[in-house]
Amino acid sequence: MPNKEETENQWIQALANAPKSVEIDWIRTHHESKNTSLEYLEKKYILFSDIKDRFYDAMVITGAPVEKLPFEEVDYWEEFKGILDFARTNVFSTMFVCWAAPAALFHYYGIPKFITEEKISGIYENEIDTDSPLMHEVGNLFWGPQSRYFYTKEEDINAVSALKIIAKCAASGIHIIASNDYREIYVNGHNEYDDDSIDKEYRRDIAKGIPIKMPENYYIDNDMNKGIMAQWRDHSHLLYRNWLQLVALSCS
């Protein structure tokens, strides 16, 4: 992600409710970052080539603002495919977030991504598979933050017997997909986001002159000066706790 320090803090908070203590390795590709100094990266991160022989209980692969590019035109696509292959052999369960979700679906199953003309932005109420352990104690509906220009077609997921849809919304599309054995979790949105993450993105896009609609179901009374409705926070904590509970039980 462009703002790595902010994203790191988001994931530290997201994983704070794990059933067991979590030790984190921050891993990067050889891609030259435009927003983070090499000094910071070398101090905080290790290269994927340094961990390719290790084994992990869980892994999170985050996205990048390259969703409008064909996968093959991303300059680190070949290295990224190596990371996806590593996740299949050396990690018990991997969560693919934002762009990483359609990228992994394309690499593993040949499932295409589709680009939207307007940005899907806001907080959306999803129908869920209530039998899924990822949705334990969630209830009947799941709130999920979205900030993306892509979507995955439901019929493409349903055509793959190894996959199932966990959460979806008529307005924003599929939010969460999982493999039947839960070793692959695909999250098209951003449940890790801070309360003001979408607000920052919206104001940034406005400042850049990008034509964009106001995020849906996000500001109180649809007024960006009245504050933010953080209705997804409890559901997000449950998602990560339930996922890591599955990992802990399977790896104990």
C-alpha atoms as a PDB file:
ATOM      1  CA  MET A   1       0.000   0.000   0.000  1.00  0.00           C
ATOM      2  CA  PRO A   2       1.228   3.565  -0.661  1.00  0.00           C
ATOM      3  CA  ASN A   3       1.248   4.714   2.994  1.00  0.00           C
ATOM      4  CA  LYS A   4       3.057   1.787   4.539  1.00  0.00           C
ATOM      5  CA  GLU A   5       3.389   3.094   8.097  1.00  0.00           C
ATOM      6  CA  GLU A   6      -0.341   3.834   8.323  1.00  0.00           C
ATOM      7  CA  THR A   7      -1.188   0.444   6.833  1.00  0.00           C
ATOM      8  CA  GLU A   8       1.158  -1.298   9.257  1.00  0.00           C
ATOM      9  CA  ASN A   9      -0.617   0.304  12.216  1.00  0.00           C
ATOM     10  CA  GLN A  10      -3.992  -0.702  10.816  1.00  0.00           C
ATOM     11  CA  TRP A  11      -2.953  -4.336  10.611  1.00  0.00           C
ATOM     12  CA  ILE A  12      -1.373  -4.328  14.053  1.00  0.00           C
ATOM     13  CA  GLN A  13      -4.723  -3.148  15.428  1.00  0.00           C
ATOM     14  CA  ALA A  14      -6.668  -5.590  13.264  1.00  0.00           C
ATOM     15  CA  LEU A  15      -4.681  -8.563  14.575  1.00  0.00           C
ATOM     16  CA  ALA A  16      -4.668  -7.391  18.194  1.00  0.00           C
ATOM     17  CA  ASN A  17      -7.619  -9.639  19.128  1.00  0.00           C
ATOM     18  CA  ALA A  18      -5.949 -12.827  17.956  1.00  0.00           C
ATOM     19  CA  PRO A  19      -6.525 -15.864  20.195  1.00  0.00           C
ATOM     20  CA  LYS A  20      -2.753 -16.164  20.550  1.00  0.00           C
ATOM     21  CA  SER A  21       0.058 -13.632  20.424  1.00  0.00           C
ATOM     22  CA  VAL A  22       1.071 -12.734  16.882  1.00  0.00           C
ATOM     23  CA  GLU A  23       4.625 -12.235  15.678  1.00  0.00           C
ATOM     24  CA  ILE A  24       4.803 -10.240  12.439  1.00  0.00           C
ATOM     25  CA  ASP A  25       7.386 -10.229   9.655  1.00  0.00           C
ATOM     26  CA  TRP A  26       6.931  -7.317   7.227  1.00  0.00           C
ATOM     27  CA  ILE A  27       7.806  -8.491   3.737  1.00  0.00           C
ATOM     28  CA  ARG A  28       8.370  -6.455   0.572  1.00  0.00           C
ATOM     29  CA  THR A  29       9.141  -7.026  -3.078  1.00  0.00           C
ATOM     30  CA  HIS A  30      12.035  -5.512  -5.034  1.00  0.00           C
ATOM     31  CA  HIS A  31       9.632  -2.877  -6.408  1.00  0.00           C
ATOM     32  CA  GLU A  32      10.946   0.673  -5.925  1.00  0.00           C
ATOM     33  CA  SER A  33       8.477   2.513  -3.699  1.00  0.00           C
ATOM     34  CA  LYS A  34       7.517   6.075  -4.634  1.00  0.00           C
ATOM     35  CA  ASN A  35       6.066   6.918  -1.226  1.00  0.00           C
ATOM     36  CA  THR A  36       8.411   5.239   1.267  1.00  0.00           C
ATOM     37  CA  SER A  37      12.153   5.742   1.621  1.00  0.00           C
ATOM     38  CA  LEU A  38      14.508   2.857   0.958  1.00  0.00           C
ATOM     39  CA  GLU A  39      16.044   3.497   4.390  1.00  0.00           C
ATOM     40  CA  TYR A  40      12.682   2.865   6.075  1.00  0.00           C
ATOM     41  CA  LEU A  41      12.006  -0.236   3.974  1.00  0.00           C
ATOM     42  CA  GLU A  42      15.420  -1.748   4.670  1.00  0.00           C
ATOM     43  CA  LYS A  43      15.018  -1.097   8.402  1.00  0.00           C
ATOM     44  CA  LYS A  44      11.447  -2.426   8.766  1.00  0.00           C
ATOM     45  CA  TYR A  45      11.007  -4.976   5.972  1.00  0.00           C
ATOM     46  CA  ILE A  46      12.654  -8.121   4.726  1.00  0.00           C
ATOM     47  CA  LEU A  47      12.637  -9.160   1.092  1.00  0.00           C
ATOM     48  CA  PHE A  48      10.494 -12.032  -0.074  1.00  0.00           C
ATOM     49  CA  SER A  49      13.681 -13.740  -1.279  1.00  0.00           C
ATOM     50  CA  ASP A  50      14.829 -13.831   2.377  1.00  0.00           C
ATOM     51  CA  ILE A  51      11.839 -15.863   3.602  1.00  0.00           C
ATOM     52  CA  LYS A  52      11.103 -18.160   0.665  1.00  0.00           C
ATOM     53  CA  ASP A  53      12.203 -21.236   2.652  1.00  0.00           C
ATOM     54  CA  ARG A  54      10.240 -20.376   5.822  1.00  0.00           C
ATOM     55  CA  PHE A  55       6.809 -21.603   6.866  1.00  0.00           C
ATOM     56  CA  TYR A  56       4.066 -19.398   8.339  1.00  0.00           C
ATOM     57  CA  ASP A  57       0.753 -20.035  10.052  1.00  0.00           C
ATOM     58  CA  ALA A  58      -0.915 -17.033   8.398  1.00  0.00           C
ATOM     59  CA  MET A  59      -0.122 -14.364   5.849  1.00  0.00           C
ATOM     60  CA  VAL A  60      -1.784 -11.144   4.722  1.00  0.00           C
ATOM     61  CA  ILE A  61      -1.074  -9.903   1.206  1.00  0.00           C
ATOM     62  CA  THR A  62      -2.214  -6.312   0.790  1.00  0.00           C
ATOM     63  CA  GLY A  63      -3.187  -4.397  -2.317  1.00  0.00           C
ATOM     64  CA  ALA A  64      -1.747  -1.573  -4.379  1.00  0.00           C
ATOM     65  CA  PRO A  65      -3.177   1.280  -6.487  1.00  0.00           C
ATOM     66  CA  VAL A  66      -2.634  -0.606  -9.748  1.00  0.00           C
ATOM     67  CA  GLU A  67      -6.104  -2.111 -10.094  1.00  0.00           C
ATOM     68  CA  LYS A  68      -6.811  -0.478 -13.475  1.00  0.00           C
ATOM     69  CA  LEU A  69      -3.727  -2.080 -15.039  1.00  0.00           C
ATOM     70  CA  PRO A  70      -3.837  -5.576 -16.549  1.00  0.00           C
ATOM     71  CA  PHE A  71      -2.064  -7.886 -14.123  1.00  0.00           C
ATOM     72  CA  GLU A  72       0.741  -8.620 -16.580  1.00  0.00           C
ATOM     73  CA  GLU A  73       1.560  -4.888 -16.856  1.00  0.00           C
ATOM     74  CA  VAL A  74       2.307  -4.505 -13.139  1.00  0.00           C
ATOM     75  CA  ASP A  75       6.091  -4.222 -12.970  1.00  0.00           C
ATOM     76  CA  TYR A  76       6.428  -6.704 -10.096  1.00  0.00           C
ATOM     77  CA  TRP A  77       3.864  -9.208 -11.397  1.00  0.00           C
ATOM     78  CA  GLU A  78       6.375 -12.055 -11.843  1.00  0.00           C
ATOM     79  CA  GLU A  79       7.722 -11.615  -8.317  1.00  0.00           C
ATOM     80  CA  PHE A  80       4.167 -11.309  -7.015  1.00  0.00           C
ATOM     81  CA  LYS A  81       3.238 -14.629  -8.644  1.00  0.00           C
ATOM     82  CA  GLY A  82       6.157 -16.184  -6.791  1.00  0.00           C
ATOM     83  CA  ILE A  83       4.721 -14.889  -3.510  1.00  0.00           C
ATOM     84  CA  LEU A  84       1.320 -16.377  -4.393  1.00  0.00           C
ATOM     85  CA  ASP A  85       2.938 -19.732  -5.113  1.00  0.00           C
ATOM     86  CA  PHE A  86       4.805 -19.502  -1.810  1.00  0.00           C
ATOM     87  CA  ALA A  87       1.532 -18.838   0.024  1.00  0.00           C
ATOM     88  CA  ARG A  88       0.090 -22.080  -1.351  1.00  0.00           C
ATOM     89  CA  THR A  89       3.007 -24.222  -0.191  1.00  0.00           C
ATOM     90  CA  ASN A  90       4.479 -22.481   2.875  1.00  0.00           C
ATOM     91  CA  VAL A  91       1.513 -20.811   4.600  1.00  0.00           C
ATOM     92  CA  PHE A  92      -1.461 -22.473   6.264  1.00  0.00           C
ATOM     93  CA  SER A  93      -3.948 -19.668   5.526  1.00  0.00           C
ATOM     94  CA  THR A  94      -3.522 -16.465   3.514  1.00  0.00           C
ATOM     95  CA  MET A  95      -5.773 -13.409   3.406  1.00  0.00           C
ATOM     96  CA  PHE A  96      -5.631 -11.461   0.140  1.00  0.00           C
ATOM     97  CA  VAL A  97      -6.826  -7.855   0.510  1.00  0.00           C
ATOM     98  CA  CYS A  98      -8.045  -5.335  -2.085  1.00  0.00           C
ATOM     99  CA  TRP A  99      -6.044  -5.660  -5.371  1.00  0.00           C
ATOM    100  CA  ALA A 100      -4.298  -8.762  -4.037  1.00  0.00           C
ATOM    101  CA  ALA A 101      -7.677 -10.562  -3.956  1.00  0.00           C
ATOM    102  CA  PRO A 102      -8.484 -10.430  -7.693  1.00  0.00           C
ATOM    103  CA  ALA A 103      -4.786 -10.868  -8.481  1.00  0.00           C
ATOM    104  CA  ALA A 104      -4.676 -14.159  -6.552  1.00  0.00           C
ATOM    105  CA  LEU A 105      -7.993 -15.309  -8.012  1.00  0.00           C
ATOM    106  CA  PHE A 106      -6.614 -14.659 -11.490  1.00  0.00           C
ATOM    107  CA  HIS A 107      -3.333 -16.443 -10.819  1.00  0.00           C
ATOM    108  CA  TYR A 108      -4.833 -19.488  -9.080  1.00  0.00           C
ATOM    109  CA  TYR A 109      -8.064 -19.931 -11.020  1.00  0.00           C
ATOM    110  CA  GLY A 110      -7.937 -17.696 -14.094  1.00  0.00           C
ATOM    111  CA  ILE A 111     -10.838 -15.601 -12.750  1.00  0.00           C
ATOM    112  CA  PRO A 112     -10.833 -12.124 -14.363  1.00  0.00           C
ATOM    113  CA  LYS A 113     -11.340  -8.790 -12.657  1.00  0.00           C
ATOM    114  CA  PHE A 114     -13.576  -6.092 -14.120  1.00  0.00           C
ATOM    115  CA  ILE A 115     -13.074  -2.340 -13.876  1.00  0.00           C
ATOM    116  CA  THR A 116     -15.835   0.052 -12.813  1.00  0.00           C
ATOM    117  CA  GLU A 117     -16.284   3.533 -14.245  1.00  0.00           C
ATOM    118  CA  GLU A 118     -17.079   4.967 -10.821  1.00  0.00           C
ATOM    119  CA  LYS A 119     -15.224   4.168  -7.636  1.00  0.00           C
ATOM    120  CA  ILE A 120     -16.983   1.804  -5.236  1.00  0.00           C
ATOM    121  CA  SER A 121     -16.565   3.777  -2.030  1.00  0.00           C
ATOM    122  CA  GLY A 122     -18.275   3.659   1.323  1.00  0.00           C
ATOM    123  CA  ILE A 123     -19.567   1.193   3.901  1.00  0.00           C
ATOM    124  CA  TYR A 124     -21.868  -1.539   2.636  1.00  0.00           C
ATOM    125  CA  GLU A 125     -24.155  -4.013   4.355  1.00  0.00           C
ATOM    126  CA  ASN A 126     -23.446  -7.522   3.122  1.00  0.00           C
ATOM    127  CA  GLU A 127     -25.526 -10.664   3.062  1.00  0.00           C
ATOM    128  CA  ILE A 128     -23.435 -13.435   4.564  1.00  0.00           C
ATOM    129  CA  ASP A 129     -23.035 -17.169   4.758  1.00  0.00           C
ATOM    130  CA  THR A 130     -24.090 -17.506   8.382  1.00  0.00           C
ATOM    131  CA  ASP A 131     -22.656 -21.023   8.526  1.00  0.00           C
ATOM    132  CA  SER A 132     -19.149 -19.819   7.760  1.00  0.00           C
ATOM    133  CA  PRO A 133     -16.779 -19.815  10.756  1.00  0.00           C
ATOM    134  CA  LEU A 134     -15.502 -16.444   9.505  1.00  0.00           C
ATOM    135  CA  MET A 135     -18.905 -14.986  10.349  1.00  0.00           C
ATOM    136  CA  HIS A 136     -19.183 -16.499  13.850  1.00  0.00           C
ATOM    137  CA  GLU A 137     -21.116 -14.131  16.149  1.00  0.00           C
ATOM    138  CA  VAL A 138     -21.529 -11.549  13.363  1.00  0.00           C
ATOM    139  CA  GLY A 139     -25.294 -11.918  13.065  1.00  0.00           C
ATOM    140  CA  ASN A 140     -27.190 -11.842   9.784  1.00  0.00           C
ATOM    141  CA  LEU A 141     -25.467  -8.928   8.046  1.00  0.00           C
ATOM    142  CA  PHE A 142     -21.862  -7.777   7.790  1.00  0.00           C
ATOM    143  CA  TRP A 143     -20.695  -4.175   7.283  1.00  0.00           C
ATOM    144  CA  GLY A 144     -17.675  -3.792   5.035  1.00  0.00           C
ATOM    145  CA  PRO A 145     -15.648  -0.753   3.890  1.00  0.00           C
ATOM    146  CA  GLN A 146     -14.996  -0.519   0.152  1.00  0.00           C
ATOM    147  CA  SER A 147     -12.607   1.665  -1.822  1.00  0.00           C
ATOM    148  CA  ARG A 148     -11.930   0.218  -5.262  1.00  0.00           C
ATOM    149  CA  TYR A 149     -12.439   0.410  -9.015  1.00  0.00           C
ATOM    150  CA  PHE A 150     -12.794  -3.321  -9.652  1.00  0.00           C
ATOM    151  CA  TYR A 151     -15.241  -6.131  -9.063  1.00  0.00           C
ATOM    152  CA  THR A 152     -15.442  -9.890  -9.442  1.00  0.00           C
ATOM    153  CA  LYS A 153     -18.436 -11.550 -11.057  1.00  0.00           C
ATOM    154  CA  GLU A 154     -20.453 -13.878  -8.858  1.00  0.00           C
ATOM    155  CA  GLU A 155     -20.928 -16.425 -11.645  1.00  0.00           C
ATOM    156  CA  ASP A 156     -17.142 -16.722 -12.056  1.00  0.00           C
ATOM    157  CA  ILE A 157     -16.739 -17.607  -8.382  1.00  0.00           C
ATOM    158  CA  ASN A 158     -19.658 -20.035  -8.413  1.00  0.00           C
ATOM    159  CA  ALA A 159     -18.082 -21.829 -11.377  1.00  0.00           C
ATOM    160  CA  VAL A 160     -15.099 -22.869  -9.206  1.00  0.00           C
ATOM    161  CA  SER A 161     -16.059 -25.688  -6.853  1.00  0.00           C
ATOM    162  CA  ALA A 162     -13.117 -24.944  -4.525  1.00  0.00           C
ATOM    163  CA  LEU A 163     -14.464 -21.457  -3.706  1.00  0.00           C
ATOM    164  CA  LYS A 164     -17.494 -20.064  -1.902  1.00  0.00           C
ATOM    165  CA  ILE A 165     -18.879 -16.579  -1.371  1.00  0.00           C
ATOM    166  CA  ILE A 166     -18.961 -15.542   2.287  1.00  0.00           C
ATOM    167  CA  ALA A 167     -20.249 -11.951   2.028  1.00  0.00           C
ATOM    168  CA  LYS A 168     -21.835  -9.996  -0.829  1.00  0.00           C
ATOM    169  CA  CYS A 169     -23.873  -6.861  -1.431  1.00  0.00           C
ATOM    170  CA  ALA A 170     -26.175  -5.952  -4.305  1.00  0.00           C
ATOM    171  CA  ALA A 171     -24.765  -2.422  -4.401  1.00  0.00           C
ATOM    172  CA  SER A 172     -21.033  -3.162  -4.120  1.00  0.00           C
ATOM    173  CA  GLY A 173     -20.680  -6.775  -5.243  1.00  0.00           C
ATOM    174  CA  ILE A 174     -18.733  -9.572  -3.615  1.00  0.00           C
ATOM    175  CA  HIS A 175     -16.874  -8.618  -0.453  1.00  0.00           C
ATOM    176  CA  ILE A 176     -15.434 -11.883   0.917  1.00  0.00           C
ATOM    177  CA  ILE A 177     -14.621 -15.209  -0.772  1.00  0.00           C
ATOM    178  CA  ALA A 178     -12.987 -18.263   0.812  1.00  0.00           C
ATOM    179  CA  SER A 179     -11.686 -21.584  -0.359  1.00  0.00           C
ATOM    180  CA  ASN A 180     -13.568 -24.538   1.064  1.00  0.00           C
ATOM    181  CA  ASP A 181     -10.676 -25.339   3.407  1.00  0.00           C
ATOM    182  CA  TYR A 182     -10.213 -21.653   4.412  1.00  0.00           C
ATOM    183  CA  ARG A 183      -6.577 -21.684   3.412  1.00  0.00           C
ATOM    184  CA  GLU A 184      -7.411 -18.826   1.035  1.00  0.00           C
ATOM    185  CA  ILE A 185      -9.456 -15.799   2.150  1.00  0.00           C
ATOM    186  CA  TYR A 186     -10.210 -13.074  -0.409  1.00  0.00           C
ATOM    187  CA  VAL A 187     -11.374  -9.667   0.830  1.00  0.00           C
ATOM    188  CA  ASN A 188     -12.187  -7.181  -1.911  1.00  0.00           C
ATOM    189  CA  GLY A 189     -12.642  -4.372   0.607  1.00  0.00           C
ATOM    190  CA  HIS A 190     -10.753  -2.888   3.538  1.00  0.00           C
ATOM    191  CA  ASN A 191     -11.966  -4.119   6.907  1.00  0.00           C
ATOM    192  CA  GLU A 192      -8.602  -3.096   8.333  1.00  0.00           C
ATOM    193  CA  TYR A 193      -9.271   0.607   7.643  1.00  0.00           C
ATOM    194  CA  ASP A 194      -9.227   3.241  10.362  1.00  0.00           C
ATOM    195  CA  ASP A 195     -12.408   5.248  10.866  1.00  0.00           C
ATOM    196  CA  ASP A 196     -11.100   8.144   8.774  1.00  0.00           C
ATOM    197  CA  SER A 197      -9.306   6.213   6.017  1.00  0.00           C
ATOM    198  CA  ILE A 198     -12.072   6.606   3.442  1.00  0.00           C
ATOM    199  CA  ASP A 199     -12.481  10.265   4.436  1.00  0.00           C
ATOM    200  CA  LYS A 200      -8.790  10.890   3.718  1.00  0.00           C
ATOM    201  CA  GLU A 201      -9.065   9.172   0.349  1.00  0.00           C
ATOM    202  CA  TYR A 202     -12.214  11.092  -0.560  1.00  0.00           C
ATOM    203  CA  ARG A 203     -10.690  14.452   0.316  1.00  0.00           C
ATOM    204  CA  ARG A 204      -7.495  13.520  -1.545  1.00  0.00           C
ATOM    205  CA  ASP A 205      -9.459  12.596  -4.679  1.00  0.00           C
ATOM    206  CA  ILE A 206     -11.409  15.860  -4.503  1.00  0.00           C
ATOM    207  CA  ALA A 207      -8.161  17.826  -4.173  1.00  0.00           C
ATOM    208  CA  LYS A 208      -6.817  16.056  -7.260  1.00  0.00           C
ATOM    209  CA  GLY A 209      -9.917  16.979  -9.225  1.00  0.00           C
ATOM    210  CA  ILE A 210     -10.979  13.370  -9.640  1.00  0.00           C
ATOM    211  CA  PRO A 211     -14.733  13.134 -10.323  1.00  0.00           C
ATOM    212  CA  ILE A 212     -16.023  10.985  -7.473  1.00  0.00           C
ATOM    213  CA  LYS A 213     -19.257  10.441  -5.595  1.00  0.00           C
ATOM    214  CA  MET A 214     -19.497  10.857  -1.845  1.00  0.00           C
ATOM    215  CA  PRO A 215     -18.794   7.564   0.001  1.00  0.00           C
ATOM    216  CA  GLU A 216     -22.034   5.729   0.694  1.00  0.00           C
ATOM    217  CA  ASN A 217     -23.285   5.090   4.255  1.00  0.00           C
ATOM    218  CA  TYR A 218     -20.191   6.775   5.679  1.00  0.00           C
ATOM    219  CA  TYR A 219     -20.806  10.347   6.819  1.00  0.00           C
ATOM    220  CA  ILE A 220     -23.523  11.204   9.326  1.00  0.00           C
ATOM    221  CA  ASP A 221     -26.509  12.503   7.324  1.00  0.00           C
ATOM    222  CA  ASN A 222     -24.273  12.341   4.226  1.00  0.00           C
ATOM    223  CA  ASP A 223     -22.532  15.470   5.466  1.00  0.00           C
ATOM    224  CA  MET A 224     -18.742  15.207   5.537  1.00  0.00           C
ATOM    225  CA  ASN A 225     -18.614  17.924   8.207  1.00  0.00           C
ATOM    226  CA  LYS A 226     -20.823  16.041  10.681  1.00  0.00           C
ATOM    227  CA  GLY A 227     -18.541  13.104  11.344  1.00  0.00           C
ATOM    228  CA  ILE A 228     -18.144   9.452  10.382  1.00  0.00           C
ATOM    229  CA  MET A 229     -20.298   6.422  11.146  1.00  0.00           C
ATOM    230  CA  ALA A 230     -17.846   3.632  12.063  1.00  0.00           C
ATOM    231  CA  GLN A 231     -20.469   0.897  11.975  1.00  0.00           C
ATOM    232  CA  TRP A 232     -18.077  -1.722  10.564  1.00  0.00           C
ATOM    233  CA  ARG A 233     -15.559  -1.810  13.416  1.00  0.00           C
ATOM    234  CA  ASP A 234     -17.091  -4.597  15.521  1.00  0.00           C
ATOM    235  CA  HIS A 235     -17.631  -6.769  12.455  1.00  0.00           C
ATOM    236  CA  SER A 236     -14.045  -6.262  11.363  1.00  0.00           C
ATOM    237  CA  HIS A 237     -12.713  -7.341  14.749  1.00  0.00           C
ATOM    238  CA  LEU A 238     -14.850 -10.486  14.514  1.00  0.00           C
ATOM    239  CA  LEU A 239     -13.620 -11.271  11.003  1.00  0.00           C
ATOM    240  CA  TYR A 240      -9.947 -11.203  11.970  1.00  0.00           C
ATOM    241  CA  ARG A 241     -10.496 -12.940  15.292  1.00  0.00           C
ATOM    242  CA  ASN A 242     -12.484 -15.729  13.640  1.00  0.00           C
ATOM    243  CA  TRP A 243      -9.891 -16.155  10.904  1.00  0.00           C
ATOM    244  CA  LEU A 244      -6.981 -16.369  13.331  1.00  0.00           C
ATOM    245  CA  GLN A 245      -9.015 -18.696  15.556  1.00  0.00           C
ATOM    246  CA  LEU A 246      -9.305 -21.062  12.589  1.00  0.00           C
ATOM    247  CA  VAL A 247      -5.579 -20.799  12.004  1.00  0.00           C
ATOM    248  CA  ALA A 248      -4.743 -21.354  15.689  1.00  0.00           C
ATOM    249  CA  LEU A 249      -6.955 -24.442  15.954  1.00  0.00           C
ATOM    250  CA  SER A 250      -5.563 -25.950  12.761  1.00  0.00           C
ATOM    251  CA  CYS A 251      -1.912 -25.224  13.542  1.00  0.00           C
ATOM    252  CA  SER A 252      -1.937 -26.170  17.246  1.00  0.00           C
END
